[in-house]
Structures are given as C-alpha cells and as structure tokens.
N, C-alpha and C. Protein backbone atom coordinates (compact mmCIF):
# COMPACT_ATOMS: atom_id res chain seq x y z
N MET A 1 195.91 101.92 46.48
CA MET A 1 194.82 101.15 47.07
C MET A 1 194.55 99.94 46.18
N ILE A 2 194.34 98.83 46.78
CA ILE A 2 194.08 97.59 46.05
C ILE A 2 192.66 97.61 45.49
N THR A 3 192.50 97.12 44.27
CA THR A 3 191.18 97.10 43.64
C THR A 3 190.36 95.94 44.20
N GLU A 4 189.06 96.02 44.04
CA GLU A 4 188.17 94.95 44.51
C GLU A 4 188.49 93.63 43.82
N ASP A 5 188.75 93.67 42.52
CA ASP A 5 189.07 92.43 41.80
C ASP A 5 190.36 91.81 42.30
N GLU A 6 191.36 92.65 42.60
CA GLU A 6 192.63 92.15 43.14
C GLU A 6 192.42 91.57 44.53
N LEU A 7 191.61 92.24 45.35
CA LEU A 7 191.31 91.78 46.69
C LEU A 7 190.64 90.41 46.67
N LYS A 8 189.72 90.20 45.76
CA LYS A 8 188.99 88.94 45.66
C LYS A 8 189.91 87.74 45.41
N LYS A 9 191.04 87.96 44.77
CA LYS A 9 191.98 86.88 44.50
C LYS A 9 192.51 86.25 45.78
N TYR A 10 192.56 87.03 46.85
CA TYR A 10 193.21 86.58 48.08
C TYR A 10 192.24 86.20 49.20
N LEU A 11 190.95 86.31 48.94
CA LEU A 11 189.97 85.92 49.95
C LEU A 11 189.85 84.40 50.02
N PRO A 12 189.60 83.86 51.20
CA PRO A 12 189.46 82.40 51.33
C PRO A 12 188.32 81.87 50.45
N LYS A 13 188.59 80.80 49.76
CA LYS A 13 187.59 80.22 48.84
C LYS A 13 186.59 79.32 49.55
N TYR A 14 186.87 78.96 50.81
CA TYR A 14 186.01 78.04 51.55
C TYR A 14 184.85 78.74 52.26
N LEU A 15 184.78 80.06 52.22
CA LEU A 15 183.72 80.79 52.92
C LEU A 15 182.37 80.58 52.24
N SER A 16 181.31 80.61 53.04
CA SER A 16 179.96 80.61 52.46
C SER A 16 179.79 81.92 51.70
N GLU A 17 178.81 81.97 50.82
CA GLU A 17 178.58 83.20 50.05
C GLU A 17 178.30 84.39 50.97
N GLU A 18 177.53 84.15 52.01
CA GLU A 18 177.20 85.23 52.96
C GLU A 18 178.46 85.72 53.68
N ASN A 19 179.28 84.78 54.18
CA ASN A 19 180.51 85.17 54.88
C ASN A 19 181.50 85.84 53.93
N TYR A 20 181.55 85.38 52.70
CA TYR A 20 182.43 85.98 51.69
C TYR A 20 182.05 87.44 51.46
N LYS A 21 180.75 87.69 51.29
CA LYS A 21 180.27 89.05 51.06
C LYS A 21 180.51 89.94 52.27
N THR A 22 180.32 89.39 53.48
CA THR A 22 180.56 90.16 54.70
C THR A 22 182.02 90.53 54.82
N LEU A 23 182.92 89.56 54.60
CA LEU A 23 184.35 89.83 54.67
C LEU A 23 184.77 90.87 53.64
N LEU A 24 184.29 90.73 52.42
CA LEU A 24 184.62 91.68 51.35
C LEU A 24 184.15 93.09 51.73
N ALA A 25 182.95 93.20 52.26
CA ALA A 25 182.42 94.51 52.66
C ALA A 25 183.26 95.12 53.78
N GLU A 26 183.67 94.30 54.75
CA GLU A 26 184.50 94.80 55.85
C GLU A 26 185.86 95.26 55.34
N LEU A 27 186.46 94.51 54.46
CA LEU A 27 187.76 94.89 53.91
C LEU A 27 187.66 96.16 53.07
N LYS A 28 186.58 96.30 52.33
CA LYS A 28 186.40 97.49 51.50
C LYS A 28 186.21 98.74 52.35
N SER A 29 185.67 98.59 53.55
CA SER A 29 185.44 99.76 54.40
C SER A 29 186.61 100.04 55.35
N PHE A 30 187.64 99.21 55.29
CA PHE A 30 188.84 99.43 56.12
C PHE A 30 189.60 100.64 55.62
N PRO A 31 190.14 101.50 56.43
CA PRO A 31 190.26 101.45 57.89
C PRO A 31 189.17 102.21 58.63
N TYR A 32 188.14 102.61 57.93
CA TYR A 32 187.10 103.45 58.54
C TYR A 32 186.17 102.65 59.45
N ASN A 33 186.28 101.32 59.43
CA ASN A 33 185.42 100.49 60.26
C ASN A 33 186.11 100.03 61.54
N ILE A 34 187.27 100.58 61.85
CA ILE A 34 187.99 100.20 63.06
C ILE A 34 187.39 100.94 64.25
N ASP A 35 187.15 100.21 65.31
CA ASP A 35 186.71 100.83 66.55
C ASP A 35 187.36 100.11 67.73
N GLY A 36 186.99 100.48 68.93
CA GLY A 36 187.62 99.96 70.13
C GLY A 36 187.48 98.46 70.35
N ARG A 37 186.54 97.80 69.72
CA ARG A 37 186.33 96.37 69.98
C ARG A 37 187.49 95.52 69.49
N MET A 38 188.33 96.06 68.63
CA MET A 38 189.41 95.27 68.05
C MET A 38 190.67 95.27 68.90
N TYR A 39 190.75 96.12 69.88
CA TYR A 39 191.99 96.28 70.63
C TYR A 39 191.76 96.16 72.13
N THR A 40 192.81 95.84 72.86
CA THR A 40 192.74 95.79 74.31
C THR A 40 193.99 96.45 74.88
N SER A 41 193.85 96.97 76.05
CA SER A 41 195.01 97.52 76.75
C SER A 41 195.33 96.69 77.98
N MET A 42 194.75 95.49 78.06
CA MET A 42 194.91 94.64 79.23
C MET A 42 196.13 93.73 79.16
N LEU A 43 196.81 93.65 78.04
CA LEU A 43 197.95 92.77 77.89
C LEU A 43 199.23 93.47 78.32
N ASP A 44 200.31 92.74 78.40
CA ASP A 44 201.61 93.27 78.80
C ASP A 44 202.00 94.43 77.89
N LYS A 45 202.23 95.59 78.47
CA LYS A 45 202.54 96.80 77.69
C LYS A 45 203.95 96.78 77.11
N ASN A 46 204.82 95.89 77.60
CA ASN A 46 206.20 95.84 77.14
C ASN A 46 206.42 94.82 76.03
N VAL A 47 205.35 94.21 75.55
CA VAL A 47 205.45 93.21 74.50
C VAL A 47 204.57 93.64 73.33
N ILE A 48 205.10 93.55 72.13
CA ILE A 48 204.31 93.81 70.93
C ILE A 48 203.79 92.47 70.44
N PHE A 49 202.47 92.35 70.36
CA PHE A 49 201.84 91.10 69.94
C PHE A 49 201.43 91.15 68.48
N GLN A 50 201.35 89.97 67.85
CA GLN A 50 200.82 89.85 66.50
C GLN A 50 199.42 90.46 66.51
N GLY A 51 199.14 91.33 65.55
CA GLY A 51 197.84 91.96 65.46
C GLY A 51 197.73 93.28 66.20
N ASP A 52 198.76 93.65 66.96
CA ASP A 52 198.72 94.93 67.67
C ASP A 52 198.71 96.09 66.68
N GLY A 53 198.01 97.12 67.03
CA GLY A 53 198.03 98.36 66.26
C GLY A 53 198.91 99.37 66.95
N LEU A 54 199.79 99.99 66.22
CA LEU A 54 200.67 101.03 66.78
C LEU A 54 200.32 102.35 66.12
N LYS A 55 200.24 103.40 66.92
CA LYS A 55 199.86 104.71 66.39
C LYS A 55 201.03 105.48 65.80
N LYS A 56 202.21 105.32 66.34
CA LYS A 56 203.35 106.11 65.87
C LYS A 56 204.56 105.22 65.64
N MET A 57 204.52 104.40 64.60
CA MET A 57 205.63 103.53 64.25
C MET A 57 206.57 104.30 63.32
N PRO A 58 207.81 104.52 63.75
CA PRO A 58 208.73 105.25 62.87
C PRO A 58 209.16 104.38 61.68
N ILE A 59 209.07 104.93 60.49
CA ILE A 59 209.51 104.21 59.29
C ILE A 59 210.44 105.11 58.48
N ILE A 60 211.29 104.47 57.71
CA ILE A 60 212.19 105.18 56.80
C ILE A 60 212.10 104.49 55.45
N ASP A 61 211.84 105.24 54.42
CA ASP A 61 211.86 104.73 53.05
C ASP A 61 213.32 104.76 52.61
N LEU A 62 213.96 103.60 52.58
CA LEU A 62 215.40 103.56 52.29
C LEU A 62 215.73 104.01 50.87
N VAL A 63 214.78 103.88 49.96
CA VAL A 63 215.02 104.34 48.59
C VAL A 63 215.03 105.87 48.55
N ASN A 64 214.21 106.47 49.39
CA ASN A 64 214.10 107.94 49.45
C ASN A 64 214.47 108.41 50.85
N ILE A 65 215.65 108.06 51.30
CA ILE A 65 216.07 108.32 52.68
C ILE A 65 216.08 109.81 53.02
N GLU A 66 216.20 110.66 52.02
CA GLU A 66 216.21 112.10 52.27
C GLU A 66 214.88 112.61 52.82
N ARG A 67 213.84 111.82 52.69
CA ARG A 67 212.53 112.20 53.24
C ARG A 67 212.50 112.09 54.76
N GLY A 68 213.48 111.41 55.34
CA GLY A 68 213.58 111.30 56.79
C GLY A 68 212.61 110.28 57.39
N VAL A 69 212.47 110.35 58.69
CA VAL A 69 211.61 109.44 59.44
C VAL A 69 210.19 109.96 59.44
N LYS A 70 209.25 109.05 59.25
CA LYS A 70 207.84 109.39 59.28
C LYS A 70 207.16 108.46 60.28
N ASN A 71 206.31 108.99 61.15
CA ASN A 71 205.55 108.17 62.09
C ASN A 71 204.20 107.84 61.48
N VAL A 72 203.87 106.55 61.42
CA VAL A 72 202.64 106.10 60.80
C VAL A 72 201.90 105.13 61.72
N SER A 73 200.61 104.99 61.50
CA SER A 73 199.83 103.96 62.17
C SER A 73 200.07 102.65 61.43
N CYS A 74 200.18 101.56 62.18
CA CYS A 74 200.45 100.28 61.52
C CYS A 74 199.84 99.14 62.31
N LEU A 75 199.80 97.98 61.67
CA LEU A 75 199.34 96.74 62.27
C LEU A 75 200.49 95.76 62.23
N ILE A 76 200.82 95.13 63.35
CA ILE A 76 201.93 94.19 63.42
C ILE A 76 201.50 92.84 62.87
N LEU A 77 202.17 92.39 61.82
CA LEU A 77 201.93 91.07 61.23
C LEU A 77 203.24 90.31 61.19
N SER A 78 203.17 89.02 61.36
CA SER A 78 204.37 88.21 61.34
C SER A 78 204.02 86.82 60.84
N ASN A 79 204.93 86.23 60.08
CA ASN A 79 204.72 84.84 59.67
C ASN A 79 205.49 83.91 60.59
N SER A 80 205.90 84.42 61.72
CA SER A 80 206.67 83.64 62.68
C SER A 80 206.01 83.68 64.04
N SER A 81 206.03 82.56 64.74
CA SER A 81 205.52 82.55 66.11
C SER A 81 206.59 83.02 67.07
N ARG A 82 207.78 83.30 66.58
CA ARG A 82 208.89 83.70 67.43
C ARG A 82 209.02 85.22 67.45
N THR A 83 207.99 85.90 67.94
CA THR A 83 208.03 87.35 67.98
C THR A 83 208.44 87.88 69.34
N ILE A 84 208.55 87.00 70.36
CA ILE A 84 208.96 87.44 71.68
C ILE A 84 210.33 86.83 71.98
N SER A 85 211.28 87.67 72.29
CA SER A 85 212.63 87.21 72.56
C SER A 85 213.34 88.23 73.41
N SER A 86 214.23 87.77 74.27
CA SER A 86 215.03 88.71 75.03
C SER A 86 216.06 89.38 74.13
N ASP A 87 216.33 88.77 72.99
CA ASP A 87 217.26 89.32 71.99
C ASP A 87 216.46 89.60 70.72
N PRO A 88 215.99 90.85 70.53
CA PRO A 88 215.15 91.15 69.36
C PRO A 88 215.79 90.79 68.02
N MET A 89 217.11 90.86 67.91
CA MET A 89 217.77 90.55 66.64
C MET A 89 217.77 89.05 66.35
N GLN A 90 217.46 88.21 67.34
CA GLN A 90 217.44 86.77 67.15
C GLN A 90 216.43 86.39 66.07
N ILE A 91 215.36 87.15 65.96
CA ILE A 91 214.33 86.89 64.95
C ILE A 91 214.95 86.92 63.55
N PHE A 92 215.87 87.87 63.32
CA PHE A 92 216.45 88.05 62.01
C PHE A 92 217.57 87.06 61.74
N ARG A 93 218.17 86.49 62.79
CA ARG A 93 219.27 85.55 62.62
C ARG A 93 218.79 84.12 62.48
N SER A 94 217.58 83.81 62.86
CA SER A 94 217.14 82.41 62.87
C SER A 94 216.57 81.98 61.56
C-alpha cells in the first residue's frame, strides 16, 4: 500500500487547499468508498472503456507462473486514446 507521503507527491499541485484535502481523503479511503455512482451499464457491453471496472480480470504473474491464473478486480487505464480496434493486437504494434 502506498504511504500518504508518497501519495502526496503525485497529487495535482494546482488544486485549492480544500480540493486537495478532499482528493487526498477520497484516495485514502479507496477502495472502500466505491459505490454505484461511478459505473454505468448503459454503454456498449462489447467494448472495454478507459475507466471501466472489471470484476474478474484474469492475470498471471510471469515471474511466479507456477501460481497460475488469478481473477482480480481491476480498473482499466490507458495512456492511449487508441483502445478500440477491430484488431486488438494493433495497440501493441503501433
């Protein structure tokens, strides 16, 4: 778990003091502060969007592959706007 001091290094410096404290408090209470207001089921079910939460994302720790596949909850983040493609591998080739 990241420490509060480490977390503060990455918070936006342009926030007002009140907004800074609110953001810090929300981050410190994550993931226990998640509720239904953050998600929708109204979007295309066949597309994974930036910010989507997945309940059972299969992962493999390649360093410890003998542990096998584990299903975890996750949040989809991307530094690319090219997350939708008819060829999923295109993201990795571009």
